[in-house]
Amino acid sequence: MRPLRIEIKGFTCFSKEIAVSFEEMDVFAITGRTGSGKTTIMDAMCYALYGRVPRGTDVSRLVAHDAEKMYVSLDFEAGGHVYRAFRGITLNKKTLTGRPAVQLERRLADGEWEPIENRVREMKTAI
């Protein structure tokens, strides 16, 4: 799997939308000061693909404190195809629960996106 682009909004320290493109890079390093969000970028990739982060944090705790919703969209290449994994959640602030939104798509030769899966369990299997 090769990451191509990631968009993050409302995910832990990234309350505002950020986008990082890896497309023009053969090798990259994520660097920065302590607390700048380096680990969060890796957590966001894991969340987009698997719906969880390696630290085992409850998904509702990944939403930025000043946000009611969050999402991560990861474009990646695997097996000669380009895919987009999207996961997001809108929280009910009183209960800190929400229904996740998921979407796995494959980019076609014409640049359009073909939906593959939009259900949590089936997306996990497809990934």
Protein backbone atom coordinates (compact mmCIF):
# COMPACT_ATOMS: atom_id res chain seq x y z
CA MET A 1 0.00 0.00 0.00
CA ARG A 2 1.31 3.41 -0.99
CA PRO A 3 -0.41 6.52 0.41
CA LEU A 4 -1.11 9.18 -2.21
CA ARG A 5 -3.16 11.86 -0.43
CA ILE A 6 -4.87 12.31 2.91
CA GLU A 7 -7.50 14.82 3.99
CA ILE A 8 -8.25 15.22 7.68
CA LYS A 9 -10.86 17.38 9.42
CA GLY A 10 -11.97 17.38 13.04
CA PHE A 11 -9.60 14.52 13.88
CA THR A 12 -7.86 15.09 17.25
CA CYS A 13 -5.53 18.10 16.88
CA PHE A 14 -6.63 18.84 13.29
CA SER A 15 -9.92 20.63 13.92
CA LYS A 16 -9.55 22.52 10.63
CA GLU A 17 -9.19 20.65 7.35
CA ILE A 18 -5.70 19.74 6.21
CA ALA A 19 -4.57 17.88 3.11
CA VAL A 20 -1.21 16.23 2.52
CA SER A 21 -0.15 14.91 -0.87
CA PHE A 22 2.45 12.15 -1.10
CA GLU A 23 2.03 11.65 -4.86
CA GLU A 24 5.26 13.32 -6.02
CA MET A 25 7.37 11.67 -3.30
CA ASP A 26 9.23 8.40 -3.53
CA VAL A 27 10.33 8.60 0.09
CA PHE A 28 9.00 10.90 2.79
CA ALA A 29 9.50 11.65 6.46
CA ILE A 30 6.97 13.24 8.76
CA THR A 31 8.84 15.63 11.02
CA GLY A 32 7.95 18.38 13.44
CA ARG A 33 7.93 19.51 17.03
CA THR A 34 6.40 17.52 19.84
CA GLY A 35 2.63 17.84 19.65
CA SER A 36 2.55 19.05 16.05
CA GLY A 37 0.46 16.10 14.81
CA LYS A 38 2.98 13.65 13.34
CA THR A 39 1.47 10.59 15.05
CA THR A 40 -2.01 11.91 14.32
CA ILE A 41 -1.33 11.71 10.57
CA MET A 42 -0.41 8.04 10.94
CA ASP A 43 -3.42 7.46 13.22
CA ALA A 44 -5.64 9.08 10.58
CA MET A 45 -4.33 6.69 7.91
CA CYS A 46 -5.09 3.72 10.17
CA TYR A 47 -8.52 5.10 10.99
CA ALA A 48 -9.37 5.57 7.29
CA LEU A 49 -8.36 2.00 6.50
CA TYR A 50 -9.43 0.08 9.60
CA GLY A 51 -11.81 2.30 11.59
CA ARG A 52 -9.52 2.33 14.62
CA VAL A 53 -6.10 3.57 15.68
CA PRO A 54 -3.18 1.51 17.03
CA ARG A 55 -3.43 3.20 20.45
CA GLY A 56 -6.86 1.61 20.95
CA THR A 57 -8.56 4.95 21.53
CA ASP A 58 -12.37 4.99 21.32
CA VAL A 59 -13.38 6.62 18.02
CA SER A 60 -15.59 9.18 19.78
CA ARG A 61 -12.47 10.46 21.56
CA LEU A 62 -10.73 11.10 18.22
CA VAL A 63 -13.10 13.97 17.37
CA ALA A 64 -11.48 17.36 18.02
CA HIS A 65 -12.83 19.08 21.13
CA ASP A 66 -14.24 21.99 19.12
CA ALA A 67 -15.81 19.81 16.40
CA GLU A 68 -19.08 17.93 16.17
CA LYS A 69 -17.92 15.80 13.29
CA MET A 70 -14.73 14.50 11.80
CA TYR A 71 -13.58 12.67 8.74
CA VAL A 72 -10.51 11.20 7.12
CA SER A 73 -10.18 10.50 3.41
CA LEU A 74 -7.15 8.51 2.24
CA ASP A 75 -6.24 7.93 -1.40
CA PHE A 76 -3.80 5.04 -1.78
CA GLU A 77 -2.41 2.68 -4.37
CA ALA A 78 -2.50 -1.09 -3.93
CA GLY A 79 -2.26 -3.92 -6.43
CA GLY A 80 -1.99 -1.53 -9.39
CA HIS A 81 -5.25 0.31 -8.52
CA VAL A 82 -5.96 3.60 -6.76
CA TYR A 83 -8.50 3.52 -3.94
CA ARG A 84 -10.12 6.04 -1.61
CA ALA A 85 -11.02 5.05 1.93
CA PHE A 86 -13.31 7.50 3.72
CA ARG A 87 -14.47 7.31 7.30
CA GLY A 88 -16.22 9.91 9.37
CA ILE A 89 -18.55 10.39 12.28
CA THR A 90 -20.92 13.06 13.53
CA LEU A 91 -21.24 13.07 17.30
CA ASN A 92 -24.19 13.65 19.52
CA LYS A 93 -22.35 15.84 22.06
CA LYS A 94 -24.59 14.74 24.94
CA THR A 95 -23.90 11.03 24.56
CA LEU A 96 -20.58 11.16 22.67
CA THR A 97 -21.90 8.58 20.26
CA GLY A 98 -22.52 8.70 16.55
CA ARG A 99 -23.09 6.62 13.49
CA PRO A 100 -19.99 6.18 11.35
CA ALA A 101 -19.99 6.94 7.65
CA VAL A 102 -17.73 4.77 5.48
CA GLN A 103 -16.98 4.56 1.79
CA LEU A 104 -14.42 2.59 -0.21
CA GLU A 105 -13.99 3.57 -3.85
CA ARG A 106 -11.70 2.64 -6.74
CA ARG A 107 -10.52 5.19 -9.29
CA LEU A 108 -11.37 4.23 -12.86
CA ALA A 109 -9.22 4.92 -15.93
CA ASP A 110 -11.29 8.03 -16.75
CA GLY A 111 -10.60 9.49 -13.27
CA GLU A 112 -14.10 8.86 -11.93
CA TRP A 113 -14.60 6.99 -8.66
CA GLU A 114 -16.45 3.66 -8.54
CA PRO A 115 -18.09 2.83 -5.19
CA ILE A 116 -17.00 -0.54 -3.83
CA GLU A 117 -18.40 -0.60 -0.31
CA ASN A 118 -20.27 1.65 2.13
CA ARG A 119 -20.86 -0.68 5.09
CA VAL A 120 -18.47 -0.94 8.03
CA ARG A 121 -18.06 -4.73 8.24
CA GLU A 122 -17.87 -5.21 4.47
CA MET A 123 -15.36 -2.37 4.09
CA LYS A 124 -13.15 -3.98 6.71
CA THR A 125 -13.24 -7.23 4.72
CA ALA A 126 -12.53 -5.43 1.43
CA ILE A 127 -9.53 -3.56 2.89
